[in-house]
Amino acid sequence: MKNQKNCMPVGDYFIPAIELEPVEDKVLNKYGRMRRAYLREQKPIVFDDLVLTEQLFPHLYEMQEIAKKRVEVIMAGLIEKNPAPDKETDAMAWARHMNMLKAMAEEAVVREVIYT
């Protein structure tokens, strides 16, 4: 048997142990991790294809950038339609309002970018 170091035994067979190296200087944020979990659980064939072609991490980085930019765009639109209270006079109301808008934006992005 050639090069059994990178294989794991399963019964009488040796299955290659495939490990992907993430791209240096890039970290998966929550959107990238959510996309990876979604693909692994809901679309295992697509996930396996991305792993075998070594396109998983580039795909995840692209999705997280798209999601991040989309949240920023949606937040800008929501703030324009629903102006926040004055931060100086009522900081708690401002924080509550901004958290609500961010949750709304993230919910939309998760549905349209991550879970598609």
Protein backbone atom coordinates (compact mmCIF):
# COMPACT_ATOMS: atom_id res chain seq x y z
CA MET A 1 0.00 0.00 0.00
CA LYS A 2 1.37 3.36 -1.00
CA ASN A 3 1.34 6.34 1.34
CA GLN A 4 -0.95 5.15 4.11
CA LYS A 5 -0.02 8.19 6.18
CA ASN A 6 -2.79 10.35 4.66
CA CYS A 7 -5.38 7.58 4.74
CA MET A 8 -7.65 6.29 7.44
CA PRO A 9 -8.56 2.60 7.55
CA VAL A 10 -12.24 1.74 7.17
CA GLY A 11 -12.60 -2.01 7.30
CA ASP A 12 -10.33 -3.45 4.62
CA TYR A 13 -10.05 -0.14 2.74
CA PHE A 14 -8.01 3.00 3.17
CA ILE A 15 -9.98 6.20 2.64
CA PRO A 16 -8.03 9.40 1.88
CA ALA A 17 -8.09 11.86 4.76
CA ILE A 18 -8.81 15.12 2.94
CA GLU A 19 -7.99 18.27 4.86
CA LEU A 20 -8.49 21.77 3.55
CA GLU A 21 -6.18 24.56 4.49
CA PRO A 22 -7.90 27.91 4.96
CA VAL A 23 -6.53 30.87 3.05
CA GLU A 24 -3.97 32.74 5.12
CA ASP A 25 -4.91 36.06 6.70
CA LYS A 26 -8.62 35.34 6.36
CA VAL A 27 -10.93 34.22 9.11
CA LEU A 28 -14.43 32.87 8.74
CA ASN A 29 -16.91 35.19 10.40
CA LYS A 30 -20.35 34.12 11.53
CA TYR A 31 -21.79 34.27 8.01
CA GLY A 32 -19.07 32.01 6.64
CA ARG A 33 -19.55 29.54 9.48
CA MET A 34 -23.32 29.61 9.01
CA ARG A 35 -22.92 28.92 5.28
CA ARG A 36 -20.54 26.03 5.97
CA ALA A 37 -22.97 24.49 8.49
CA TYR A 38 -25.87 24.95 6.06
CA LEU A 39 -24.00 23.27 3.21
CA ARG A 40 -22.81 20.42 5.42
CA GLU A 41 -26.27 19.71 6.84
CA GLN A 42 -28.68 20.62 4.03
CA LYS A 43 -26.64 20.21 0.83
CA PRO A 44 -24.05 17.51 1.49
CA ILE A 45 -23.42 16.81 -2.20
CA VAL A 46 -22.56 20.46 -2.89
CA PHE A 47 -20.44 20.54 0.28
CA ASP A 48 -18.52 17.41 -0.75
CA ASP A 49 -18.01 18.77 -4.27
CA LEU A 50 -16.61 22.03 -2.88
CA VAL A 51 -14.29 20.12 -0.55
CA LEU A 52 -13.02 17.79 -3.27
CA THR A 53 -12.37 20.64 -5.71
CA GLU A 54 -10.74 22.71 -2.92
CA GLN A 55 -13.24 25.52 -3.48
CA LEU A 56 -14.92 25.41 -0.06
CA PHE A 57 -12.98 28.20 1.63
CA PRO A 58 -12.99 30.55 -1.38
CA HIS A 59 -16.76 29.99 -1.61
CA LEU A 60 -17.22 30.68 2.11
CA TYR A 61 -15.11 33.84 1.98
CA GLU A 62 -17.12 35.09 -1.00
CA MET A 63 -20.43 34.39 0.74
CA GLN A 64 -19.35 36.14 3.93
CA GLU A 65 -18.27 39.24 1.99
CA ILE A 66 -21.57 39.31 0.11
CA ALA A 67 -23.50 38.91 3.36
CA LYS A 68 -21.51 41.62 5.12
CA LYS A 69 -22.04 44.13 2.31
CA ARG A 70 -25.72 43.24 2.05
CA VAL A 71 -26.23 43.82 5.79
CA GLU A 72 -24.62 47.26 5.44
CA VAL A 73 -26.91 48.17 2.53
CA ILE A 74 -30.05 46.94 4.29
CA MET A 75 -29.06 48.71 7.53
CA ALA A 76 -28.61 52.00 5.64
CA GLY A 77 -32.07 51.63 4.12
CA LEU A 78 -33.68 50.73 7.43
CA ILE A 79 -32.05 53.65 9.23
CA GLU A 80 -33.26 55.98 6.49
CA LYS A 81 -36.84 54.71 6.83
CA ASN A 82 -36.74 54.39 10.64
CA PRO A 83 -34.49 57.08 12.11
CA ALA A 84 -32.94 56.23 15.45
CA PRO A 85 -33.69 58.24 18.60
CA ASP A 86 -31.08 60.72 19.73
CA LYS A 87 -28.12 58.84 21.14
CA GLU A 88 -27.17 61.69 23.47
CA THR A 89 -30.52 61.95 25.25
CA ASP A 90 -31.60 58.29 25.37
CA ALA A 91 -28.70 55.90 24.78
CA MET A 92 -30.68 52.80 25.76
CA ALA A 93 -33.47 53.56 23.27
CA TRP A 94 -30.86 54.20 20.58
CA ALA A 95 -29.09 50.89 21.31
CA ARG A 96 -32.41 49.01 21.39
CA HIS A 97 -33.46 50.57 18.08
CA MET A 98 -30.13 49.84 16.36
CA ASN A 99 -30.08 46.25 17.63
CA MET A 100 -33.60 45.73 16.30
CA LEU A 101 -32.64 47.09 12.87
CA LYS A 102 -29.49 44.96 12.76
CA ALA A 103 -31.50 41.84 13.67
CA MET A 104 -33.97 42.63 10.87
CA ALA A 105 -31.15 43.12 8.35
CA GLU A 106 -29.36 39.94 9.41
CA GLU A 107 -32.56 37.90 9.22
CA ALA A 108 -33.10 39.02 5.64
CA VAL A 109 -29.48 38.36 4.67
CA VAL A 110 -29.46 34.90 6.21
CA ARG A 111 -32.56 33.98 4.23
CA GLU A 112 -31.40 35.42 0.89
CA VAL A 113 -27.63 34.78 0.96
CA ILE A 114 -26.73 32.06 3.44
CA TYR A 115 -29.66 29.66 3.03
CA THR A 116 -29.86 29.61 -0.78
